[in-house]
Amino acid sequence: MMKSDQITKKLAFRNAQFTYYISGDKEKETILMLHPAFTDHHIFEEQTVYFQRSYRVITLDMPGHGENQVSGTKVTLTDMPEIINQLLLENDLADCHIISVSMGSLVAQAFADRYPDRVKSVIIVGGYSIHKANERVLKKQRSEGLKWIKYILFSMNKFRAYLASASCHTEQGRAAFAKGVQHFTRKSFSAMAGMNAFFIKKDTPMPYPLLIVVGEHDLKLIQDAARELHDLERHSQLVLMPQAGHCANVDAPSEFNHIVDNFLSTIANR
């Protein structure tokens, strides 16, 4: 595998400093990658290396994740749409494609909802809509949160191991997830507050090209949500990825990269 040529940059937002990573040709279109909960930008290593050949690639750790621990500040995940907008402004970028996994897909949709002119397309992996057909998933997530409590109270290491196992189907996927989740601590949970603000009911179609990717080994509930969203979004594309779980991009990176590359090519040819 080629190495990424990414450079590390800093973004000041309120009383916090955010580290982010940028690579590729600055004259090309931009892909922003948003990771799932608890892990960090390392989950996109295979995508960064692949897409930096043809795109400008940006990854960052969201509040409370990876390098961007924000304990002691009032910055939370709720601020992510504004953080992304400021990041694009500071790099003179008009818009971007977004590859987003699980929780990252909620942030991607919230950003697109607030800054529609900034978004060229959205790729949702193992996610669901913030606008429609999400009631069953949200109910399941609340019950899952109760399960986490026993891990969080008694052993963060067991919690991290559980997350990696539940999120990925393959050993390589679990290893990539585990690499980032080591930075997530009990203090990190404070940055997870306020995401309910993203959920705004809308019946109108999403105004951007949408690719929905779900692993064949993901929960049936997530697969059903993906199919329902695809049915509601007539112009979306849906891909069920074999040999992949919730984080399909790390379980089957080569296949995932080609699927996304083909999707982006169809947009470019419109």
C-alpha atoms as a PDB file:
ATOM      1  CA  MET A   1       0.000   0.000   0.000  1.00  0.00           C
ATOM      2  CA  MET A   2       1.216   3.476  -0.864  1.00  0.00           C
ATOM      3  CA  LYS A   3       1.756   5.909   1.973  1.00  0.00           C
ATOM      4  CA  SER A   4      -0.408   8.952   2.416  1.00  0.00           C
ATOM      5  CA  ASP A   5       1.221  12.310   1.722  1.00  0.00           C
ATOM      6  CA  GLN A   6      -1.060  14.008   4.246  1.00  0.00           C
ATOM      7  CA  ILE A   7       0.037  17.019   6.225  1.00  0.00           C
ATOM      8  CA  THR A   8      -1.253  17.975   9.657  1.00  0.00           C
ATOM      9  CA  LYS A   9      -3.012  21.288  10.152  1.00  0.00           C
ATOM     10  CA  LYS A  10      -4.735  23.104  13.022  1.00  0.00           C
ATOM     11  CA  LEU A  11      -8.123  24.786  13.207  1.00  0.00           C
ATOM     12  CA  ALA A  12      -9.109  27.127  16.031  1.00  0.00           C
ATOM     13  CA  PHE A  13     -12.775  26.874  16.962  1.00  0.00           C
ATOM     14  CA  ARG A  14     -14.002  28.801  19.979  1.00  0.00           C
ATOM     15  CA  ASN A  15     -11.709  27.775  22.824  1.00  0.00           C
ATOM     16  CA  ALA A  16     -10.590  24.512  21.227  1.00  0.00           C
ATOM     17  CA  GLN A  17      -7.857  23.562  18.754  1.00  0.00           C
ATOM     18  CA  PHE A  18      -8.718  20.933  16.149  1.00  0.00           C
ATOM     19  CA  THR A  19      -6.146  18.813  14.386  1.00  0.00           C
ATOM     20  CA  TYR A  20      -7.005  17.708  10.863  1.00  0.00           C
ATOM     21  CA  TYR A  21      -5.168  16.066   7.991  1.00  0.00           C
ATOM     22  CA  ILE A  22      -5.083  17.023   4.332  1.00  0.00           C
ATOM     23  CA  SER A  23      -3.501  15.355   1.311  1.00  0.00           C
ATOM     24  CA  GLY A  24      -3.713  15.152  -2.458  1.00  0.00           C
ATOM     25  CA  ASP A  25      -3.841  17.720  -5.223  1.00  0.00           C
ATOM     26  CA  LYS A  26      -5.312  21.035  -4.073  1.00  0.00           C
ATOM     27  CA  GLU A  27      -6.570  21.655  -7.618  1.00  0.00           C
ATOM     28  CA  LYS A  28      -8.823  18.580  -7.505  1.00  0.00           C
ATOM     29  CA  GLU A  29     -12.261  18.105  -5.968  1.00  0.00           C
ATOM     30  CA  THR A  30     -12.312  17.556  -2.207  1.00  0.00           C
ATOM     31  CA  ILE A  31     -13.450  14.493  -0.262  1.00  0.00           C
ATOM     32  CA  LEU A  32     -14.078  14.971   3.456  1.00  0.00           C
ATOM     33  CA  MET A  33     -14.185  11.802   5.557  1.00  0.00           C
ATOM     34  CA  LEU A  34     -16.171  11.559   8.806  1.00  0.00           C
ATOM     35  CA  HIS A  35     -15.491   8.622  11.112  1.00  0.00           C
ATOM     36  CA  PRO A  36     -17.922   6.615  13.276  1.00  0.00           C
ATOM     37  CA  ALA A  37     -18.340   7.108  17.015  1.00  0.00           C
ATOM     38  CA  PHE A  38     -15.491   6.223  19.390  1.00  0.00           C
ATOM     39  CA  THR A  39     -12.713   5.650  16.826  1.00  0.00           C
ATOM     40  CA  ASP A  40     -10.897   8.317  14.761  1.00  0.00           C
ATOM     41  CA  HIS A  41      -9.501   9.263  11.342  1.00  0.00           C
ATOM     42  CA  HIS A  42      -7.265   6.164  11.213  1.00  0.00           C
ATOM     43  CA  ILE A  43     -10.285   4.195  10.051  1.00  0.00           C
ATOM     44  CA  PHE A  44      -9.879   5.940   6.672  1.00  0.00           C
ATOM     45  CA  GLU A  45      -6.208   5.098   6.042  1.00  0.00           C
ATOM     46  CA  GLU A  46      -7.002   2.879   3.034  1.00  0.00           C
ATOM     47  CA  GLN A  47      -9.375   5.486   1.598  1.00  0.00           C
ATOM     48  CA  THR A  48      -6.907   8.335   2.113  1.00  0.00           C
ATOM     49  CA  VAL A  49      -4.149   6.543   0.236  1.00  0.00           C
ATOM     50  CA  TYR A  50      -6.463   5.531  -2.593  1.00  0.00           C
ATOM     51  CA  PHE A  51      -8.352   8.778  -3.155  1.00  0.00           C
ATOM     52  CA  GLN A  52      -5.464  11.221  -2.698  1.00  0.00           C
ATOM     53  CA  ARG A  53      -4.338  10.254  -6.210  1.00  0.00           C
ATOM     54  CA  SER A  54      -7.377  11.928  -7.765  1.00  0.00           C
ATOM     55  CA  TYR A  55      -8.860  14.149  -5.061  1.00  0.00           C
ATOM     56  CA  ARG A  56      -8.026  16.503  -2.250  1.00  0.00           C
ATOM     57  CA  VAL A  57      -8.644  14.428   0.899  1.00  0.00           C
ATOM     58  CA  ILE A  58      -9.413  15.766   4.372  1.00  0.00           C
ATOM     59  CA  THR A  59      -9.836  13.710   7.529  1.00  0.00           C
ATOM     60  CA  LEU A  60     -10.291  14.937  11.072  1.00  0.00           C
ATOM     61  CA  ASP A  61     -11.085  13.623  14.519  1.00  0.00           C
ATOM     62  CA  MET A  62     -14.434  14.877  15.749  1.00  0.00           C
ATOM     63  CA  PRO A  63     -14.799  16.398  19.248  1.00  0.00           C
ATOM     64  CA  GLY A  64     -13.897  13.908  21.968  1.00  0.00           C
ATOM     65  CA  HIS A  65     -12.221  11.543  19.494  1.00  0.00           C
ATOM     66  CA  GLY A  66      -8.606  10.827  18.584  1.00  0.00           C
ATOM     67  CA  GLU A  67      -6.350  13.859  18.882  1.00  0.00           C
ATOM     68  CA  ASN A  68      -9.253  16.249  19.411  1.00  0.00           C
ATOM     69  CA  GLN A  69     -10.145  15.798  23.054  1.00  0.00           C
ATOM     70  CA  VAL A  70     -12.122  18.864  24.124  1.00  0.00           C
ATOM     71  CA  SER A  71     -12.670  18.197  27.811  1.00  0.00           C
ATOM     72  CA  GLY A  72     -12.965  21.499  29.662  1.00  0.00           C
ATOM     73  CA  THR A  73     -14.497  23.310  26.684  1.00  0.00           C
ATOM     74  CA  LYS A  74     -18.121  23.625  25.624  1.00  0.00           C
ATOM     75  CA  VAL A  75     -17.427  22.224  22.157  1.00  0.00           C
ATOM     76  CA  THR A  76     -19.400  19.092  21.280  1.00  0.00           C
ATOM     77  CA  LEU A  77     -20.428  17.075  18.244  1.00  0.00           C
ATOM     78  CA  THR A  78     -23.309  19.509  17.796  1.00  0.00           C
ATOM     79  CA  ASP A  79     -20.733  22.024  16.552  1.00  0.00           C
ATOM     80  CA  MET A  80     -19.481  19.805  13.733  1.00  0.00           C
ATOM     81  CA  PRO A  81     -21.425  21.491  10.885  1.00  0.00           C
ATOM     82  CA  GLU A  82     -19.883  24.844  11.829  1.00  0.00           C
ATOM     83  CA  ILE A  83     -16.431  23.278  12.305  1.00  0.00           C
ATOM     84  CA  ILE A  84     -16.609  21.736   8.814  1.00  0.00           C
ATOM     85  CA  ASN A  85     -17.748  25.009   7.287  1.00  0.00           C
ATOM     86  CA  GLN A  86     -14.874  26.890   8.925  1.00  0.00           C
ATOM     87  CA  LEU A  87     -12.403  24.236   7.789  1.00  0.00           C
ATOM     88  CA  LEU A  88     -13.542  24.621   4.173  1.00  0.00           C
ATOM     89  CA  LEU A  89     -13.376  28.408   4.420  1.00  0.00           C
ATOM     90  CA  GLU A  90      -9.840  28.399   5.797  1.00  0.00           C
ATOM     91  CA  ASN A  91      -8.679  26.173   2.944  1.00  0.00           C
ATOM     92  CA  ASP A  92     -10.511  28.152   0.233  1.00  0.00           C
ATOM     93  CA  LEU A  93     -12.698  25.164  -0.629  1.00  0.00           C
ATOM     94  CA  ALA A  94     -16.121  25.875  -2.067  1.00  0.00           C
ATOM     95  CA  ASP A  95     -17.590  22.418  -1.526  1.00  0.00           C
ATOM     96  CA  CYS A  96     -16.816  18.759  -0.983  1.00  0.00           C
ATOM     97  CA  HIS A  97     -17.946  15.176  -1.320  1.00  0.00           C
ATOM     98  CA  ILE A  98     -18.415  13.461   2.043  1.00  0.00           C
ATOM     99  CA  ILE A  99     -17.662   9.848   2.925  1.00  0.00           C
ATOM    100  CA  SER A 100     -19.281   9.191   6.285  1.00  0.00           C
ATOM    101  CA  VAL A 101     -19.544   6.114   8.501  1.00  0.00           C
ATOM    102  CA  SER A 102     -22.268   5.505  11.113  1.00  0.00           C
ATOM    103  CA  MET A 103     -22.268   8.537  13.449  1.00  0.00           C
ATOM    104  CA  GLY A 104     -20.257  10.403  10.834  1.00  0.00           C
ATOM    105  CA  SER A 105     -23.200  10.042   8.450  1.00  0.00           C
ATOM    106  CA  LEU A 106     -25.440  11.931  10.876  1.00  0.00           C
ATOM    107  CA  VAL A 107     -22.913  14.772  10.953  1.00  0.00           C
ATOM    108  CA  ALA A 108     -22.635  14.709   7.152  1.00  0.00           C
ATOM    109  CA  GLN A 109     -26.384  15.062   6.724  1.00  0.00           C
ATOM    110  CA  ALA A 110     -26.578  17.827   9.338  1.00  0.00           C
ATOM    111  CA  PHE A 111     -23.827  19.739   7.542  1.00  0.00           C
ATOM    112  CA  ALA A 112     -25.599  19.255   4.201  1.00  0.00           C
ATOM    113  CA  ASP A 113     -28.857  20.433   5.748  1.00  0.00           C
ATOM    114  CA  ARG A 114     -27.302  23.681   7.013  1.00  0.00           C
ATOM    115  CA  TYR A 115     -24.876  24.297   4.147  1.00  0.00           C
ATOM    116  CA  PRO A 116     -26.459  22.676   1.064  1.00  0.00           C
ATOM    117  CA  ASP A 117     -24.281  24.619  -1.379  1.00  0.00           C
ATOM    118  CA  ARG A 118     -21.180  23.162   0.248  1.00  0.00           C
ATOM    119  CA  VAL A 119     -22.020  19.528  -0.521  1.00  0.00           C
ATOM    120  CA  LYS A 120     -21.467  17.805  -3.879  1.00  0.00           C
ATOM    121  CA  SER A 121     -22.471  14.317  -2.703  1.00  0.00           C
ATOM    122  CA  VAL A 122     -22.835  12.192   0.430  1.00  0.00           C
ATOM    123  CA  ILE A 123     -21.797   8.574   0.928  1.00  0.00           C
ATOM    124  CA  ILE A 124     -23.474   6.974   3.966  1.00  0.00           C
ATOM    125  CA  VAL A 125     -21.917   3.795   5.368  1.00  0.00           C
ATOM    126  CA  GLY A 126     -23.836   1.883   8.036  1.00  0.00           C
ATOM    127  CA  GLY A 127     -25.952   4.936   8.717  1.00  0.00           C
ATOM    128  CA  TYR A 128     -29.510   6.169   8.508  1.00  0.00           C
ATOM    129  CA  SER A 129     -31.436   9.362   7.821  1.00  0.00           C
ATOM    130  CA  ILE A 130     -31.657  12.282  10.233  1.00  0.00           C
ATOM    131  CA  HIS A 131     -34.864  13.350   8.487  1.00  0.00           C
ATOM    132  CA  LYS A 132     -37.020  10.269   7.925  1.00  0.00           C
ATOM    133  CA  ALA A 133     -37.470   6.537   8.594  1.00  0.00           C
ATOM    134  CA  ASN A 134     -35.263   6.498  11.699  1.00  0.00           C
ATOM    135  CA  GLU A 135     -37.561   5.744  14.643  1.00  0.00           C
ATOM    136  CA  ARG A 136     -36.676   2.043  15.022  1.00  0.00           C
ATOM    137  CA  VAL A 137     -32.936   2.684  14.803  1.00  0.00           C
ATOM    138  CA  LEU A 138     -33.060   5.450  17.399  1.00  0.00           C
ATOM    139  CA  LYS A 139     -34.991   3.188  19.775  1.00  0.00           C
ATOM    140  CA  LYS A 140     -32.407   0.428  19.335  1.00  0.00           C
ATOM    141  CA  GLN A 141     -29.563   2.860  19.955  1.00  0.00           C
ATOM    142  CA  ARG A 142     -31.098   3.946  23.250  1.00  0.00           C
ATOM    143  CA  SER A 143     -31.221   0.330  24.443  1.00  0.00           C
ATOM    144  CA  GLU A 144     -27.679  -0.241  23.197  1.00  0.00           C
ATOM    145  CA  GLY A 145     -26.554   2.742  25.275  1.00  0.00           C
ATOM    146  CA  LEU A 146     -27.833   1.016  28.404  1.00  0.00           C
ATOM    147  CA  LYS A 147     -25.677  -2.004  27.550  1.00  0.00           C
ATOM    148  CA  TRP A 148     -22.612   0.210  27.343  1.00  0.00           C
ATOM    149  CA  ILE A 149     -22.994   1.462  30.900  1.00  0.00           C
ATOM    150  CA  LYS A 150     -21.682  -1.712  32.546  1.00  0.00           C
ATOM    151  CA  TYR A 151     -18.581  -1.623  30.351  1.00  0.00           C
ATOM    152  CA  ILE A 152     -17.987   2.079  30.889  1.00  0.00           C
ATOM    153  CA  LEU A 153     -18.298   1.842  34.663  1.00  0.00           C
ATOM    154  CA  PHE A 154     -16.023  -1.149  35.126  1.00  0.00           C
ATOM    155  CA  SER A 155     -13.611  -1.427  32.199  1.00  0.00           C
ATOM    156  CA  MET A 156     -12.973   0.964  29.319  1.00  0.00           C
ATOM    157  CA  ASN A 157     -10.654  -1.628  27.770  1.00  0.00           C
ATOM    158  CA  LYS A 158     -13.507  -4.137  27.575  1.00  0.00           C
ATOM    159  CA  PHE A 159     -15.740  -1.408  26.190  1.00  0.00           C
ATOM    160  CA  ARG A 160     -13.209  -0.627  23.453  1.00  0.00           C
ATOM    161  CA  ALA A 161     -12.808  -4.318  22.599  1.00  0.00           C
ATOM    162  CA  TYR A 162     -16.591  -4.746  22.442  1.00  0.00           C
ATOM    163  CA  LEU A 163     -16.933  -1.765  20.088  1.00  0.00           C
ATOM    164  CA  ALA A 164     -14.268  -3.048  17.697  1.00  0.00           C
ATOM    165  CA  SER A 165     -15.834  -6.508  17.615  1.00  0.00           C
ATOM    166  CA  ALA A 166     -19.375  -5.186  17.124  1.00  0.00           C
ATOM    167  CA  SER A 167     -18.422  -2.616  14.491  1.00  0.00           C
ATOM    168  CA  CYS A 168     -16.331  -4.738  12.134  1.00  0.00           C
ATOM    169  CA  HIS A 169     -16.627  -8.209  10.613  1.00  0.00           C
ATOM    170  CA  THR A 170     -12.995  -8.857   9.687  1.00  0.00           C
ATOM    171  CA  GLU A 171      -9.793  -8.924  11.718  1.00  0.00           C
ATOM    172  CA  GLN A 172      -8.287  -6.133   9.614  1.00  0.00           C
ATOM    173  CA  GLY A 173     -11.385  -4.040  10.223  1.00  0.00           C
ATOM    174  CA  ARG A 174     -11.288  -4.611  13.962  1.00  0.00           C
ATOM    175  CA  ALA A 175      -7.598  -3.731  14.073  1.00  0.00           C
ATOM    176  CA  ALA A 176      -8.215  -0.449  12.244  1.00  0.00           C
ATOM    177  CA  PHE A 177     -11.115   0.433  14.546  1.00  0.00           C
ATOM    178  CA  ALA A 178      -9.103  -0.484  17.649  1.00  0.00           C
ATOM    179  CA  LYS A 179      -6.262   1.795  16.566  1.00  0.00           C
ATOM    180  CA  GLY A 180      -8.458   4.860  16.955  1.00  0.00           C
ATOM    181  CA  VAL A 181     -10.687   3.815  19.843  1.00  0.00           C
ATOM    182  CA  GLN A 182      -7.723   3.738  22.243  1.00  0.00           C
ATOM    183  CA  HIS A 183      -7.947   7.525  22.521  1.00  0.00           C
ATOM    184  CA  PHE A 184     -11.572   7.463  23.645  1.00  0.00           C
ATOM    185  CA  THR A 185     -11.894   7.787  27.439  1.00  0.00           C
ATOM    186  CA  ARG A 186     -14.673   8.348  29.956  1.00  0.00           C
ATOM    187  CA  LYS A 187     -14.047  12.095  29.698  1.00  0.00           C
ATOM    188  CA  SER A 188     -14.668  11.920  25.947  1.00  0.00           C
ATOM    189  CA  PHE A 189     -18.361  11.232  26.471  1.00  0.00           C
ATOM    190  CA  SER A 190     -19.025  14.866  27.369  1.00  0.00           C
ATOM    191  CA  ALA A 191     -18.349  15.803  23.722  1.00  0.00           C
ATOM    192  CA  MET A 192     -21.105  13.455  22.504  1.00  0.00           C
ATOM    193  CA  ALA A 193     -23.894  15.654  23.871  1.00  0.00           C
ATOM    194  CA  GLY A 194     -26.505  17.471  21.828  1.00  0.00           C
ATOM    195  CA  MET A 195     -26.715  15.383  18.669  1.00  0.00           C
ATOM    196  CA  ASN A 196     -30.501  15.286  18.953  1.00  0.00           C
ATOM    197  CA  ALA A 197     -30.407  18.752  17.393  1.00  0.00           C
ATOM    198  CA  PHE A 198     -29.458  17.120  14.080  1.00  0.00           C
ATOM    199  CA  PHE A 199     -32.757  15.268  13.803  1.00  0.00           C
ATOM    200  CA  ILE A 200     -35.212  17.402  11.860  1.00  0.00           C
ATOM    201  CA  LYS A 201     -38.176  15.718  10.203  1.00  0.00           C
ATOM    202  CA  LYS A 202     -38.413  16.418   6.471  1.00  0.00           C
ATOM    203  CA  ASP A 203     -40.317  14.705   3.693  1.00  0.00           C
ATOM    204  CA  THR A 204     -38.529  16.458   0.844  1.00  0.00           C
ATOM    205  CA  PRO A 205     -35.863  14.537  -1.113  1.00  0.00           C
ATOM    206  CA  MET A 206     -32.236  15.006  -0.188  1.00  0.00           C
ATOM    207  CA  PRO A 207     -30.892  17.632  -2.608  1.00  0.00           C
ATOM    208  CA  TYR A 208     -27.550  15.904  -3.267  1.00  0.00           C
ATOM    209  CA  PRO A 209     -26.405  12.662  -4.932  1.00  0.00           C
ATOM    210  CA  LEU A 210     -26.579   9.931  -2.286  1.00  0.00           C
ATOM    211  CA  LEU A 211     -24.814   6.580  -2.078  1.00  0.00           C
ATOM    212  CA  ILE A 212     -25.930   4.240   0.711  1.00  0.00           C
ATOM    213  CA  VAL A 213     -23.521   1.425   1.611  1.00  0.00           C
ATOM    214  CA  VAL A 214     -24.347  -1.310   4.117  1.00  0.00           C
ATOM    215  CA  GLY A 215     -22.421  -4.452   5.005  1.00  0.00           C
ATOM    216  CA  GLU A 216     -24.111  -7.836   4.647  1.00  0.00           C
ATOM    217  CA  HIS A 217     -23.047  -8.624   8.232  1.00  0.00           C
ATOM    218  CA  ASP A 218     -24.370  -5.379   9.692  1.00  0.00           C
ATOM    219  CA  LEU A 219     -27.430  -5.559  11.952  1.00  0.00           C
ATOM    220  CA  LYS A 220     -30.657  -6.384  10.129  1.00  0.00           C
ATOM    221  CA  LEU A 221     -32.106  -3.182  11.577  1.00  0.00           C
ATOM    222  CA  ILE A 222     -29.387  -1.107   9.837  1.00  0.00           C
ATOM    223  CA  GLN A 223     -29.838  -3.022   6.594  1.00  0.00           C
ATOM    224  CA  ASP A 224     -33.592  -2.425   6.746  1.00  0.00           C
ATOM    225  CA  ALA A 225     -33.036   1.280   7.436  1.00  0.00           C
ATOM    226  CA  ALA A 226     -30.694   1.501   4.440  1.00  0.00           C
ATOM    227  CA  ARG A 227     -33.252  -0.124   2.142  1.00  0.00           C
ATOM    228  CA  GLU A 228     -36.061   2.060   3.450  1.00  0.00           C
ATOM    229  CA  LEU A 229     -34.002   5.213   2.928  1.00  0.00           C
ATOM    230  CA  HIS A 230     -33.117   4.084  -0.593  1.00  0.00           C
ATOM    231  CA  ASP A 231     -36.819   3.520  -1.340  1.00  0.00           C
ATOM    232  CA  LEU A 232     -37.638   7.012  -0.071  1.00  0.00           C
ATOM    233  CA  GLU A 233     -34.764   8.647  -1.959  1.00  0.00           C
ATOM    234  CA  ARG A 234     -35.528   7.716  -5.546  1.00  0.00           C
ATOM    235  CA  HIS A 235     -32.266   8.990  -6.966  1.00  0.00           C
ATOM    236  CA  SER A 236     -30.023   7.323  -4.388  1.00  0.00           C
ATOM    237  CA  GLN A 237     -27.872   4.260  -4.995  1.00  0.00           C
ATOM    238  CA  LEU A 238     -27.767   1.324  -2.556  1.00  0.00           C
ATOM    239  CA  VAL A 239     -24.941  -1.204  -2.288  1.00  0.00           C
ATOM    240  CA  LEU A 240     -24.968  -4.257  -0.012  1.00  0.00           C
ATOM    241  CA  MET A 241     -21.313  -5.139   0.523  1.00  0.00           C
ATOM    242  CA  PRO A 242     -20.344  -8.795   1.003  1.00  0.00           C
ATOM    243  CA  GLN A 243     -17.882  -9.796   3.716  1.00  0.00           C
ATOM    244  CA  ALA A 244     -18.412  -6.510   5.551  1.00  0.00           C
ATOM    245  CA  GLY A 245     -20.002  -5.404   8.793  1.00  0.00           C
ATOM    246  CA  HIS A 246     -21.000  -2.004  10.118  1.00  0.00           C
ATOM    247  CA  CYS A 247     -17.767  -0.277   9.048  1.00  0.00           C
ATOM    248  CA  ALA A 248     -17.658  -1.661   5.521  1.00  0.00           C
ATOM    249  CA  ASN A 249     -14.847   0.672   4.451  1.00  0.00           C
ATOM    250  CA  VAL A 250     -12.317  -1.149   6.675  1.00  0.00           C
ATOM    251  CA  ASP A 251     -13.737  -4.655   6.352  1.00  0.00           C
ATOM    252  CA  ALA A 252     -13.469  -4.633   2.544  1.00  0.00           C
ATOM    253  CA  PRO A 253     -11.435  -1.516   1.659  1.00  0.00           C
ATOM    254  CA  SER A 254     -10.567  -2.323  -1.960  1.00  0.00           C
ATOM    255  CA  GLU A 255     -14.145  -3.138  -2.889  1.00  0.00           C
ATOM    256  CA  PHE A 256     -15.414  -0.092  -1.012  1.00  0.00           C
ATOM    257  CA  ASN A 257     -12.939   2.236  -2.719  1.00  0.00           C
ATOM    258  CA  HIS A 258     -13.969   1.040  -6.169  1.00  0.00           C
ATOM    259  CA  ILE A 259     -17.676   1.390  -5.366  1.00  0.00           C
ATOM    260  CA  VAL A 260     -17.181   4.980  -4.187  1.00  0.00           C
ATOM    261  CA  ASP A 261     -14.851   5.807  -7.075  1.00  0.00           C
ATOM    262  CA  ASN A 262     -17.456   4.613  -9.583  1.00  0.00           C
ATOM    263  CA  PHE A 263     -20.181   6.599  -7.820  1.00  0.00           C
ATOM    264  CA  LEU A 264     -18.121   9.795  -7.893  1.00  0.00           C
ATOM    265  CA  SER A 265     -17.299   9.210 -11.561  1.00  0.00           C
ATOM    266  CA  THR A 266     -20.996   9.091 -12.438  1.00  0.00           C
ATOM    267  CA  ILE A 267     -21.484  12.455 -10.710  1.00  0.00           C
ATOM    268  CA  ALA A 268     -18.569  13.984 -12.626  1.00  0.00           C
ATOM    269  CA  ASN A 269     -20.047  12.789 -15.921  1.00  0.00           C
ATOM    270  CA  ARG A 270     -23.474  14.351 -15.342  1.00  0.00           C
END
